[in-house]
Amino acid sequence: MKFRIKETRTKETKDFDSIFSLFLEEFKIKNEISVENLKTNWISIVGPLLASHSAPVSLNEDILFIKADHPVFSNDLIMIKGDIIKKVNNMFSSSISNVRISAQQKKKLI
């Protein structure tokens, strides 16, 4: 938090919501909390099969980044990209406009 040296204090009280939003902005953890909320609700957003093979990774401005463990599942996510955007925006009152999906294949043991 910022210290305001040599400023006169105001006698107004502030509610927790306004203080908490300032806290999230100052420490830049708002996106991390949003990603954690997405992870906990991921099954209801994409379904159990895709949720077991993918996960939201980060949220940068209005772009949601998702990782899948195989190209087949990343292709399935691409096909329902519009539905993901609608569900996330409706569930969390956010303004996500794009989804980027990357496939990270597991290494084969020889």
PDB file of N, CA and C in Angstrom:
ATOM      1  N   MET A   1       0.829  -1.172   0.000  1.00  0.00           N
ATOM      2  CA  MET A   1       0.000   0.000   0.000  1.00  0.00           C
ATOM      3  C   MET A   1       0.878   1.241   0.000  1.00  0.00           C
ATOM      4  N   LYS A   2       0.360   2.273  -0.530  1.00  0.00           N
ATOM      5  CA  LYS A   2       1.108   3.517  -0.605  1.00  0.00           C
ATOM      6  C   LYS A   2       0.918   4.316   0.680  1.00  0.00           C
ATOM      7  N   PHE A   3       2.026   4.823   1.191  1.00  0.00           N
ATOM      8  CA  PHE A   3       1.963   5.691   2.349  1.00  0.00           C
ATOM      9  C   PHE A   3       1.868   7.132   1.876  1.00  0.00           C
ATOM     10  N   ARG A   4       0.966   7.832   2.429  1.00  0.00           N
ATOM     11  CA  ARG A   4       0.775   9.226   2.044  1.00  0.00           C
ATOM     12  C   ARG A   4       1.340  10.113   3.152  1.00  0.00           C
ATOM     13  N   ILE A   5       2.598  10.464   2.989  1.00  0.00           N
ATOM     14  CA  ILE A   5       3.297  11.244   4.003  1.00  0.00           C
ATOM     15  C   ILE A   5       2.928  12.714   3.844  1.00  0.00           C
ATOM     16  N   LYS A   6       2.710  13.360   4.951  1.00  0.00           N
ATOM     17  CA  LYS A   6       2.382  14.783   5.027  1.00  0.00           C
ATOM     18  C   LYS A   6       1.056  15.125   4.349  1.00  0.00           C
ATOM     19  N   GLU A   7       0.162  14.174   4.290  1.00  0.00           N
ATOM     20  CA  GLU A   7      -1.184  14.447   3.796  1.00  0.00           C
ATOM     21  C   GLU A   7      -2.133  14.371   4.980  1.00  0.00           C
ATOM     22  N   THR A   8      -3.086  15.238   4.977  1.00  0.00           N
ATOM     23  CA  THR A   8      -4.067  15.196   6.059  1.00  0.00           C
ATOM     24  C   THR A   8      -5.014  14.024   5.841  1.00  0.00           C
ATOM     25  N   ARG A   9      -5.370  13.418   6.918  1.00  0.00           N
ATOM     26  CA  ARG A   9      -6.271  12.264   6.843  1.00  0.00           C
ATOM     27  C   ARG A   9      -7.707  12.740   6.732  1.00  0.00           C
ATOM     28  N   THR A  10      -8.447  12.010   5.962  1.00  0.00           N
ATOM     29  CA  THR A  10      -9.879  12.286   5.900  1.00  0.00           C
ATOM     30  C   THR A  10     -10.570  11.379   6.906  1.00  0.00           C
ATOM     31  N   LYS A  11     -11.668  11.812   7.402  1.00  0.00           N
ATOM     32  CA  LYS A  11     -12.365  11.036   8.432  1.00  0.00           C
ATOM     33  C   LYS A  11     -13.454  10.153   7.845  1.00  0.00           C
ATOM     34  N   GLU A  12     -13.406   9.955   6.547  1.00  0.00           N
ATOM     35  CA  GLU A  12     -14.424   9.108   5.936  1.00  0.00           C
ATOM     36  C   GLU A  12     -13.995   7.637   6.014  1.00  0.00           C
ATOM     37  N   THR A  13     -14.955   6.798   6.248  1.00  0.00           N
ATOM     38  CA  THR A  13     -14.670   5.369   6.265  1.00  0.00           C
ATOM     39  C   THR A  13     -14.936   4.811   4.877  1.00  0.00           C
ATOM     40  N   LYS A  14     -14.230   3.760   4.561  1.00  0.00           N
ATOM     41  CA  LYS A  14     -14.382   3.131   3.254  1.00  0.00           C
ATOM     42  C   LYS A  14     -14.864   1.707   3.460  1.00  0.00           C
ATOM     43  N   ASP A  15     -15.673   1.249   2.520  1.00  0.00           N
ATOM     44  CA  ASP A  15     -16.161  -0.118   2.619  1.00  0.00           C
ATOM     45  C   ASP A  15     -15.092  -1.087   2.112  1.00  0.00           C
ATOM     46  N   PHE A  16     -15.234  -2.329   2.474  1.00  0.00           N
ATOM     47  CA  PHE A  16     -14.239  -3.346   2.146  1.00  0.00           C
ATOM     48  C   PHE A  16     -14.090  -3.535   0.648  1.00  0.00           C
ATOM     49  N   ASP A  17     -15.183  -3.473  -0.109  1.00  0.00           N
ATOM     50  CA  ASP A  17     -15.117  -3.679  -1.554  1.00  0.00           C
ATOM     51  C   ASP A  17     -14.190  -2.690  -2.238  1.00  0.00           C
ATOM     52  N   SER A  18     -14.273  -1.428  -1.863  1.00  0.00           N
ATOM     53  CA  SER A  18     -13.417  -0.427  -2.509  1.00  0.00           C
ATOM     54  C   SER A  18     -11.952  -0.621  -2.111  1.00  0.00           C
ATOM     55  N   ILE A  19     -11.702  -0.989  -0.880  1.00  0.00           N
ATOM     56  CA  ILE A  19     -10.328  -1.217  -0.433  1.00  0.00           C
ATOM     57  C   ILE A  19      -9.751  -2.470  -1.092  1.00  0.00           C
ATOM     58  N   PHE A  20     -10.555  -3.517  -1.178  1.00  0.00           N
ATOM     59  CA  PHE A  20     -10.086  -4.773  -1.754  1.00  0.00           C
ATOM     60  C   PHE A  20      -9.766  -4.616  -3.237  1.00  0.00           C
ATOM     61  N   SER A  21     -10.587  -3.878  -3.984  1.00  0.00           N
ATOM     62  CA  SER A  21     -10.304  -3.674  -5.402  1.00  0.00           C
ATOM     63  C   SER A  21      -9.017  -2.877  -5.598  1.00  0.00           C
ATOM     64  N   LEU A  22      -8.764  -1.900  -4.725  1.00  0.00           N
ATOM     65  CA  LEU A  22      -7.498  -1.166  -4.785  1.00  0.00           C
ATOM     66  C   LEU A  22      -6.311  -2.081  -4.477  1.00  0.00           C
ATOM     67  N   PHE A  23      -6.501  -2.967  -3.519  1.00  0.00           N
ATOM     68  CA  PHE A  23      -5.464  -3.939  -3.167  1.00  0.00           C
ATOM     69  C   PHE A  23      -5.137  -4.836  -4.354  1.00  0.00           C
ATOM     70  N   LEU A  24      -6.167  -5.355  -5.033  1.00  0.00           N
ATOM     71  CA  LEU A  24      -5.946  -6.218  -6.193  1.00  0.00           C
ATOM     72  C   LEU A  24      -5.232  -5.489  -7.316  1.00  0.00           C
ATOM     73  N   GLU A  25      -5.606  -4.245  -7.554  1.00  0.00           N
ATOM     74  CA  GLU A  25      -4.962  -3.461  -8.606  1.00  0.00           C
ATOM     75  C   GLU A  25      -3.504  -3.163  -8.268  1.00  0.00           C
ATOM     76  N   GLU A  26      -3.246  -2.804  -7.031  1.00  0.00           N
ATOM     77  CA  GLU A  26      -1.889  -2.410  -6.657  1.00  0.00           C
ATOM     78  C   GLU A  26      -0.917  -3.577  -6.708  1.00  0.00           C
ATOM     79  N   PHE A  27      -1.342  -4.744  -6.268  1.00  0.00           N
ATOM     80  CA  PHE A  27      -0.458  -5.897  -6.268  1.00  0.00           C
ATOM     81  C   PHE A  27      -0.589  -6.744  -7.533  1.00  0.00           C
ATOM     82  N   LYS A  28      -1.412  -6.320  -8.464  1.00  0.00           N
ATOM     83  CA  LYS A  28      -1.570  -6.967  -9.777  1.00  0.00           C
ATOM     84  C   LYS A  28      -1.874  -8.462  -9.658  1.00  0.00           C
ATOM     85  N   ILE A  29      -2.829  -8.796  -8.804  1.00  0.00           N
ATOM     86  CA  ILE A  29      -3.205 -10.200  -8.646  1.00  0.00           C
ATOM     87  C   ILE A  29      -4.634 -10.473  -9.098  1.00  0.00           C
ATOM     88  N   LYS A  30      -5.255  -9.488  -9.715  1.00  0.00           N
ATOM     89  CA  LYS A  30      -6.636  -9.668 -10.155  1.00  0.00           C
ATOM     90  C   LYS A  30      -6.740 -10.769 -11.206  1.00  0.00           C
ATOM     91  N   ASN A  31      -5.810 -10.797 -12.162  1.00  0.00           N
ATOM     92  CA  ASN A  31      -5.835 -11.820 -13.199  1.00  0.00           C
ATOM     93  C   ASN A  31      -5.582 -13.215 -12.635  1.00  0.00           C
ATOM     94  N   GLU A  32      -4.701 -13.317 -11.641  1.00  0.00           N
ATOM     95  CA  GLU A  32      -4.419 -14.621 -11.047  1.00  0.00           C
ATOM     96  C   GLU A  32      -5.648 -15.174 -10.341  1.00  0.00           C
ATOM     97  N   ILE A  33      -6.383 -14.303  -9.686  1.00  0.00           N
ATOM     98  CA  ILE A  33      -7.614 -14.746  -9.025  1.00  0.00           C
ATOM     99  C   ILE A  33      -8.629 -15.191 -10.075  1.00  0.00           C
ATOM    100  N   SER A  34      -8.710 -14.462 -11.186  1.00  0.00           N
ATOM    101  CA  SER A  34      -9.633 -14.834 -12.249  1.00  0.00           C
ATOM    102  C   SER A  34      -9.264 -16.178 -12.855  1.00  0.00           C
ATOM    103  N   VAL A  35      -7.976 -16.434 -13.052  1.00  0.00           N
ATOM    104  CA  VAL A  35      -7.535 -17.716 -13.607  1.00  0.00           C
ATOM    105  C   VAL A  35      -7.864 -18.843 -12.639  1.00  0.00           C
ATOM    106  N   GLU A  36      -7.673 -18.615 -11.351  1.00  0.00           N
ATOM    107  CA  GLU A  36      -8.013 -19.646 -10.363  1.00  0.00           C
ATOM    108  C   GLU A  36      -9.516 -19.927 -10.358  1.00  0.00           C
ATOM    109  N   ASN A  37     -10.339 -18.896 -10.505  1.00  0.00           N
ATOM    110  CA  ASN A  37     -11.790 -19.102 -10.612  1.00  0.00           C
ATOM    111  C   ASN A  37     -12.132 -19.893 -11.861  1.00  0.00           C
ATOM    112  N   LEU A  38     -11.441 -19.610 -12.964  1.00  0.00           N
ATOM    113  CA  LEU A  38     -11.665 -20.379 -14.190  1.00  0.00           C
ATOM    114  C   LEU A  38     -11.286 -21.835 -13.995  1.00  0.00           C
ATOM    115  N   LYS A  39     -10.159 -22.084 -13.328  1.00  0.00           N
ATOM    116  CA  LYS A  39      -9.716 -23.467 -13.108  1.00  0.00           C
ATOM    117  C   LYS A  39     -10.724 -24.252 -12.274  1.00  0.00           C
ATOM    118  N   THR A  40     -11.303 -23.609 -11.266  1.00  0.00           N
ATOM    119  CA  THR A  40     -12.260 -24.330 -10.422  1.00  0.00           C
ATOM    120  C   THR A  40     -13.574 -24.610 -11.159  1.00  0.00           C
ATOM    121  N   ASN A  41     -13.919 -23.779 -12.134  1.00  0.00           N
ATOM    122  CA  ASN A  41     -15.164 -23.970 -12.881  1.00  0.00           C
ATOM    123  C   ASN A  41     -14.937 -24.520 -14.284  1.00  0.00           C
ATOM    124  N   TRP A  42     -13.734 -25.009 -14.577  1.00  0.00           N
ATOM    125  CA  TRP A  42     -13.382 -25.424 -15.927  1.00  0.00           C
ATOM    126  C   TRP A  42     -14.244 -26.578 -16.435  1.00  0.00           C
ATOM    127  N   ILE A  43     -14.608 -27.503 -15.566  1.00  0.00           N
ATOM    128  CA  ILE A  43     -15.439 -28.644 -15.983  1.00  0.00           C
ATOM    129  C   ILE A  43     -16.798 -28.165 -16.484  1.00  0.00           C
ATOM    130  N   SER A  44     -17.387 -27.201 -15.818  1.00  0.00           N
ATOM    131  CA  SER A  44     -18.700 -26.710 -16.251  1.00  0.00           C
ATOM    132  C   SER A  44     -18.599 -25.850 -17.510  1.00  0.00           C
ATOM    133  N   ILE A  45     -17.409 -25.349 -17.827  1.00  0.00           N
ATOM    134  CA  ILE A  45     -17.250 -24.523 -19.024  1.00  0.00           C
ATOM    135  C   ILE A  45     -17.032 -25.377 -20.264  1.00  0.00           C
ATOM    136  N   VAL A  46     -16.118 -26.366 -20.187  1.00  0.00           N
ATOM    137  CA  VAL A  46     -15.793 -27.155 -21.387  1.00  0.00           C
ATOM    138  C   VAL A  46     -16.257 -28.607 -21.323  1.00  0.00           C
ATOM    139  N   GLY A  47     -16.713 -29.064 -20.177  1.00  0.00           N
ATOM    140  CA  GLY A  47     -17.139 -30.453 -20.054  1.00  0.00           C
ATOM    141  C   GLY A  47     -16.029 -31.299 -19.438  1.00  0.00           C
ATOM    142  N   PRO A  48     -16.399 -32.479 -18.921  1.00  0.00           N
ATOM    143  CA  PRO A  48     -15.420 -33.289 -18.184  1.00  0.00           C
ATOM    144  C   PRO A  48     -14.276 -33.842 -19.039  1.00  0.00           C
ATOM    145  N   LEU A  49     -14.546 -34.234 -20.278  1.00  0.00           N
ATOM    146  CA  LEU A  49     -13.488 -34.804 -21.118  1.00  0.00           C
ATOM    147  C   LEU A  49     -12.428 -33.768 -21.458  1.00  0.00           C
ATOM    148  N   LEU A  50     -12.856 -32.625 -21.974  1.00  0.00           N
ATOM    149  CA  LEU A  50     -11.899 -31.578 -22.331  1.00  0.00           C
ATOM    150  C   LEU A  50     -11.231 -30.978 -21.096  1.00  0.00           C
ATOM    151  N   ALA A  51     -11.941 -30.939 -19.978  1.00  0.00           N
ATOM    152  CA  ALA A  51     -11.360 -30.389 -18.749  1.00  0.00           C
ATOM    153  C   ALA A  51     -10.227 -31.272 -18.230  1.00  0.00           C
ATOM    154  N   SER A  52     -10.319 -32.581 -18.481  1.00  0.00           N
ATOM    155  CA  SER A  52      -9.257 -33.472 -18.017  1.00  0.00           C
ATOM    156  C   SER A  52      -8.015 -33.398 -18.900  1.00  0.00           C
ATOM    157  N   HIS A  53      -8.126 -32.791 -20.077  1.00  0.00           N
ATOM    158  CA  HIS A  53      -6.991 -32.689 -20.998  1.00  0.00           C
ATOM    159  C   HIS A  53      -6.588 -31.250 -21.293  1.00  0.00           C
ATOM    160  N   SER A  54      -7.163 -30.288 -20.587  1.00  0.00           N
ATOM    161  CA  SER A  54      -6.821 -28.880 -20.829  1.00  0.00           C
ATOM    162  C   SER A  54      -7.001 -28.087 -19.537  1.00  0.00           C
ATOM    163  N   ALA A  55      -6.440 -26.874 -19.555  1.00  0.00           N
ATOM    164  CA  ALA A  55      -6.573 -25.997 -18.398  1.00  0.00           C
ATOM    165  C   ALA A  55      -6.292 -24.559 -18.810  1.00  0.00           C
ATOM    166  N   PRO A  56      -7.010 -23.607 -18.206  1.00  0.00           N
ATOM    167  CA  PRO A  56      -6.672 -22.202 -18.448  1.00  0.00           C
ATOM    168  C   PRO A  56      -5.339 -21.884 -17.783  1.00  0.00           C
ATOM    169  N   VAL A  57      -4.499 -21.138 -18.487  1.00  0.00           N
ATOM    170  CA  VAL A  57      -3.156 -20.862 -17.986  1.00  0.00           C
ATOM    171  C   VAL A  57      -3.025 -19.423 -17.505  1.00  0.00           C
ATOM    172  N   SER A  58      -3.459 -18.486 -18.339  1.00  0.00           N
ATOM    173  CA  SER A  58      -3.334 -17.083 -17.953  1.00  0.00           C
ATOM    174  C   SER A  58      -4.399 -16.252 -18.649  1.00  0.00           C
ATOM    175  N   LEU A  59      -4.535 -15.047 -18.151  1.00  0.00           N
ATOM    176  CA  LEU A  59      -5.500 -14.100 -18.688  1.00  0.00           C
ATOM    177  C   LEU A  59      -4.766 -12.785 -18.863  1.00  0.00           C
ATOM    178  N   ASN A  60      -4.632 -12.357 -20.113  1.00  0.00           N
ATOM    179  CA  ASN A  60      -3.903 -11.136 -20.417  1.00  0.00           C
ATOM    180  C   ASN A  60      -4.848 -10.176 -21.110  1.00  0.00           C
ATOM    181  N   GLU A  61      -5.237  -9.121 -20.387  1.00  0.00           N
ATOM    182  CA  GLU A  61      -6.215  -8.138 -20.848  1.00  0.00           C
ATOM    183  C   GLU A  61      -7.511  -8.850 -21.233  1.00  0.00           C
ATOM    184  N   ASP A  62      -7.791  -9.028 -22.516  1.00  0.00           N
ATOM    185  CA  ASP A  62      -9.045  -9.679 -22.915  1.00  0.00           C
ATOM    186  C   ASP A  62      -8.799 -10.997 -23.641  1.00  0.00           C
ATOM    187  N   ILE A  63      -7.626 -11.611 -23.443  1.00  0.00           N
ATOM    188  CA  ILE A  63      -7.284 -12.873 -24.102  1.00  0.00           C
ATOM    189  C   ILE A  63      -7.065 -13.949 -23.046  1.00  0.00           C
ATOM    190  N   LEU A  64      -7.766 -15.066 -23.211  1.00  0.00           N
ATOM    191  CA  LEU A  64      -7.613 -16.215 -22.322  1.00  0.00           C
ATOM    192  C   LEU A  64      -6.689 -17.224 -22.994  1.00  0.00           C
ATOM    193  N   PHE A  65      -5.635 -17.637 -22.289  1.00  0.00           N
ATOM    194  CA  PHE A  65      -4.679 -18.609 -22.802  1.00  0.00           C
ATOM    195  C   PHE A  65      -4.965 -19.967 -22.169  1.00  0.00           C
ATOM    196  N   ILE A  66      -5.077 -20.986 -23.030  1.00  0.00           N
ATOM    197  CA  ILE A  66      -5.410 -22.341 -22.593  1.00  0.00           C
ATOM    198  C   ILE A  66      -4.340 -23.294 -23.114  1.00  0.00           C
ATOM    199  N   LYS A  67      -3.961 -24.271 -22.283  1.00  0.00           N
ATOM    200  CA  LYS A  67      -3.048 -25.324 -22.725  1.00  0.00           C
ATOM    201  C   LYS A  67      -3.794 -26.642 -22.759  1.00  0.00           C
ATOM    202  N   ALA A  68      -3.546 -27.398 -23.820  1.00  0.00           N
ATOM    203  CA  ALA A  68      -4.096 -28.743 -23.940  1.00  0.00           C
ATOM    204  C   ALA A  68      -2.934 -29.722 -23.985  1.00  0.00           C
ATOM    205  N   ASP A  69      -3.183 -30.977 -23.582  1.00  0.00           N
ATOM    206  CA  ASP A  69      -2.085 -31.938 -23.537  1.00  0.00           C
ATOM    207  C   ASP A  69      -1.921 -32.734 -24.828  1.00  0.00           C
ATOM    208  N   HIS A  70      -2.772 -32.466 -25.831  1.00  0.00           N
ATOM    209  CA  HIS A  70      -2.657 -33.164 -27.112  1.00  0.00           C
ATOM    210  C   HIS A  70      -3.305 -32.303 -28.197  1.00  0.00           C
ATOM    211  N   PRO A  71      -2.770 -32.332 -29.418  1.00  0.00           N
ATOM    212  CA  PRO A  71      -3.352 -31.525 -30.494  1.00  0.00           C
ATOM    213  C   PRO A  71      -4.819 -31.834 -30.802  1.00  0.00           C
ATOM    214  N   VAL A  72      -5.235 -33.060 -30.559  1.00  0.00           N
ATOM    215  CA  VAL A  72      -6.643 -33.418 -30.803  1.00  0.00           C
ATOM    216  C   VAL A  72      -7.558 -32.608 -29.885  1.00  0.00           C
ATOM    217  N   PHE A  73      -7.174 -32.487 -28.629  1.00  0.00           N
ATOM    218  CA  PHE A  73      -7.997 -31.743 -27.680  1.00  0.00           C
ATOM    219  C   PHE A  73      -7.909 -30.235 -27.911  1.00  0.00           C
ATOM    220  N   SER A  74      -6.760 -29.771 -28.375  1.00  0.00           N
ATOM    221  CA  SER A  74      -6.677 -28.340 -28.701  1.00  0.00           C
ATOM    222  C   SER A  74      -7.561 -28.021 -29.896  1.00  0.00           C
ATOM    223  N   ASN A  75      -7.667 -28.953 -30.848  1.00  0.00           N
ATOM    224  CA  ASN A  75      -8.564 -28.759 -31.987  1.00  0.00           C
ATOM    225  C   ASN A  75     -10.024 -28.736 -31.535  1.00  0.00           C
ATOM    226  N   ASP A  76     -10.382 -29.607 -30.612  1.00  0.00           N
ATOM    227  CA  ASP A  76     -11.741 -29.603 -30.066  1.00  0.00           C
ATOM    228  C   ASP A  76     -12.046 -28.283 -29.359  1.00  0.00           C
ATOM    229  N   LEU A  77     -11.070 -27.758 -28.626  1.00  0.00           N
ATOM    230  CA  LEU A  77     -11.256 -26.473 -27.954  1.00  0.00           C
ATOM    231  C   LEU A  77     -11.412 -25.330 -28.960  1.00  0.00           C
ATOM    232  N   ILE A  78     -10.663 -25.407 -30.049  1.00  0.00           N
ATOM    233  CA  ILE A  78     -10.789 -24.382 -31.089  1.00  0.00           C
ATOM    234  C   ILE A  78     -12.193 -24.387 -31.679  1.00  0.00           C
ATOM    235  N   MET A  79     -12.768 -25.580 -31.819  1.00  0.00           N
ATOM    236  CA  MET A  79     -14.108 -25.676 -32.407  1.00  0.00           C
ATOM    237  C   MET A  79     -15.181 -25.101 -31.488  1.00  0.00           C
ATOM    238  N   ILE A  80     -14.963 -25.120 -30.175  1.00  0.00           N
ATOM    239  CA  ILE A  80     -15.960 -24.558 -29.255  1.00  0.00           C
ATOM    240  C   ILE A  80     -15.488 -23.235 -28.647  1.00  0.00           C
ATOM    241  N   LYS A  81     -14.556 -22.595 -29.312  1.00  0.00           N
ATOM    242  CA  LYS A  81     -13.968 -21.344 -28.832  1.00  0.00           C
ATOM    243  C   LYS A  81     -15.034 -20.277 -28.534  1.00  0.00           C
ATOM    244  N   GLY A  82     -15.995 -20.136 -29.431  1.00  0.00           N
ATOM    245  CA  GLY A  82     -17.065 -19.154 -29.232  1.00  0.00           C
ATOM    246  C   GLY A  82     -17.895 -19.447 -27.992  1.00  0.00           C
ATOM    247  N   ASP A  83     -18.184 -20.729 -27.762  1.00  0.00           N
ATOM    248  CA  ASP A  83     -18.947 -21.116 -26.574  1.00  0.00           C
ATOM    249  C   ASP A  83     -18.155 -20.849 -25.294  1.00  0.00           C
ATOM    250  N   ILE A  84     -16.847 -21.087 -25.333  1.00  0.00           N
ATOM    251  CA  ILE A  84     -16.001 -20.823 -24.165  1.00  0.00           C
ATOM    252  C   ILE A  84     -16.052 -19.337 -23.817  1.00  0.00           C
ATOM    253  N   ILE A  85     -15.922 -18.486 -24.839  1.00  0.00           N
ATOM    254  CA  ILE A  85     -15.949 -17.039 -24.609  1.00  0.00           C
ATOM    255  C   ILE A  85     -17.286 -16.618 -24.005  1.00  0.00           C
ATOM    256  N   LYS A  86     -18.388 -17.125 -24.556  1.00  0.00           N
ATOM    257  CA  LYS A  86     -19.715 -16.766 -24.033  1.00  0.00           C
ATOM    258  C   LYS A  86     -19.894 -17.224 -22.592  1.00  0.00           C
ATOM    259  N   LYS A  87     -19.533 -18.476 -22.307  1.00  0.00           N
ATOM    260  CA  LYS A  87     -19.715 -19.002 -20.950  1.00  0.00           C
ATOM    261  C   LYS A  87     -18.867 -18.255 -19.922  1.00  0.00           C
ATOM    262  N   VAL A  88     -17.618 -17.985 -20.271  1.00  0.00           N
ATOM    263  CA  VAL A  88     -16.735 -17.281 -19.337  1.00  0.00           C
ATOM    264  C   VAL A  88     -17.247 -15.866 -19.091  1.00  0.00           C
ATOM    265  N   ASN A  89     -17.642 -15.182 -20.150  1.00  0.00           N
ATOM    266  CA  ASN A  89     -18.149 -13.815 -19.988  1.00  0.00           C
ATOM    267  C   ASN A  89     -19.439 -13.787 -19.171  1.00  0.00           C
ATOM    268  N   ASN A  90     -20.308 -14.777 -19.356  1.00  0.00           N
ATOM    269  CA  ASN A  90     -21.550 -14.833 -18.583  1.00  0.00           C
ATOM    270  C   ASN A  90     -21.312 -15.218 -17.129  1.00  0.00           C
ATOM    271  N   MET A  91     -20.410 -16.178 -16.883  1.00  0.00           N
ATOM    272  CA  MET A  91     -20.178 -16.659 -15.521  1.00  0.00           C
ATOM    273  C   MET A  91     -19.462 -15.628 -14.657  1.00  0.00           C
ATOM    274  N   PHE A  92     -18.520 -14.900 -15.253  1.00  0.00           N
ATOM    275  CA  PHE A  92     -17.656 -14.028 -14.459  1.00  0.00           C
ATOM    276  C   PHE A  92     -17.826 -12.551 -14.783  1.00  0.00           C
ATOM    277  N   SER A  93     -18.805 -12.210 -15.593  1.00  0.00           N
ATOM    278  CA  SER A  93     -19.041 -10.814 -15.985  1.00  0.00           C
ATOM    279  C   SER A  93     -17.755 -10.160 -16.493  1.00  0.00           C
ATOM    280  N   SER A  94     -17.054 -10.883 -17.331  1.00  0.00           N
ATOM    281  CA  SER A  94     -15.797 -10.374 -17.866  1.00  0.00           C
ATOM    282  C   SER A  94     -15.972 -10.001 -19.333  1.00  0.00           C
ATOM    283  N   SER A  95     -14.916  -9.532 -19.947  1.00  0.00           N
ATOM    284  CA  SER A  95     -14.987  -9.106 -21.339  1.00  0.00           C
ATOM    285  C   SER A  95     -13.894  -9.775 -22.163  1.00  0.00           C
ATOM    286  N   ILE A  96     -13.842 -11.098 -22.098  1.00  0.00           N
ATOM    287  CA  ILE A  96     -12.870 -11.849 -22.894  1.00  0.00           C
ATOM    288  C   ILE A  96     -13.337 -11.827 -24.343  1.00  0.00           C
ATOM    289  N   SER A  97     -12.430 -11.474 -25.248  1.00  0.00           N
ATOM    290  CA  SER A  97     -12.805 -11.392 -26.655  1.00  0.00           C
ATOM    291  C   SER A  97     -12.092 -12.428 -27.503  1.00  0.00           C
ATOM    292  N   ASN A  98     -11.065 -13.072 -26.959  1.00  0.00           N
ATOM    293  CA  ASN A  98     -10.328 -14.043 -27.754  1.00  0.00           C
ATOM    294  C   ASN A  98      -9.774 -15.129 -26.845  1.00  0.00           C
ATOM    295  N   VAL A  99      -9.562 -16.300 -27.442  1.00  0.00           N
ATOM    296  CA  VAL A  99      -8.987 -17.432 -26.729  1.00  0.00           C
ATOM    297  C   VAL A  99      -7.822 -17.947 -27.567  1.00  0.00           C
ATOM    298  N   ARG A 100      -6.688 -18.152 -26.938  1.00  0.00           N
ATOM    299  CA  ARG A 100      -5.525 -18.728 -27.617  1.00  0.00           C
ATOM    300  C   ARG A 100      -5.242 -20.088 -26.987  1.00  0.00           C
ATOM    301  N   ILE A 101      -5.120 -21.090 -27.841  1.00  0.00           N
ATOM    302  CA  ILE A 101      -4.968 -22.454 -27.358  1.00  0.00           C
ATOM    303  C   ILE A 101      -3.657 -23.021 -27.884  1.00  0.00           C
ATOM    304  N   SER A 102      -2.881 -23.622 -27.007  1.00  0.00           N
ATOM    305  CA  SER A 102      -1.641 -24.263 -27.427  1.00  0.00           C
ATOM    306  C   SER A 102      -1.659 -25.711 -26.967  1.00  0.00           C
ATOM    307  N   ALA A 103      -1.104 -26.566 -27.821  1.00  0.00           N
ATOM    308  CA  ALA A 103      -1.027 -27.990 -27.503  1.00  0.00           C
ATOM    309  C   ALA A 103       0.394 -28.316 -27.090  1.00  0.00           C
ATOM    310  N   GLN A 104       0.506 -28.995 -25.992  1.00  0.00           N
ATOM    311  CA  GLN A 104       1.814 -29.399 -25.505  1.00  0.00           C
ATOM    312  C   GLN A 104       1.788 -30.909 -25.363  1.00  0.00           C
ATOM    313  N   GLN A 105       2.365 -31.569 -26.345  1.00  0.00           N
ATOM    314  CA  GLN A 105       2.347 -33.018 -26.344  1.00  0.00           C
ATOM    315  C   GLN A 105       3.337 -33.566 -25.334  1.00  0.00           C
ATOM    316  N   LYS A 106       2.934 -34.625 -24.663  1.00  0.00           N
ATOM    317  CA  LYS A 106       3.823 -35.254 -23.701  1.00  0.00           C
ATOM    318  C   LYS A 106       4.945 -35.981 -24.453  1.00  0.00           C
ATOM    319  N   LYS A 107       6.140 -35.952 -23.876  1.00  0.00           N
ATOM    320  CA  LYS A 107       7.286 -36.600 -24.516  1.00  0.00           C
ATOM    321  C   LYS A 107       7.151 -38.111 -24.407  1.00  0.00           C
ATOM    322  N   LYS A 108       7.506 -38.767 -25.513  1.00  0.00           N
ATOM    323  CA  LYS A 108       7.470 -40.227 -25.533  1.00  0.00           C
ATOM    324  C   LYS A 108       8.756 -40.794 -24.947  1.00  0.00           C
ATOM    325  N   LEU A 109       8.599 -41.842 -24.197  1.00  0.00           N
ATOM    326  CA  LEU A 109       9.762 -42.535 -23.658  1.00  0.00           C
ATOM    327  C   LEU A 109      10.168 -43.629 -24.628  1.00  0.00           C
ATOM    328  N   ILE A 110      11.442 -43.689 -24.962  1.00  0.00           N
ATOM    329  CA  ILE A 110      11.923 -44.688 -25.943  1.00  0.00           C
ATOM    330  C   ILE A 110      12.561 -45.835 -25.212  1.00  0.00           C
TER     331      ILE A 110
END
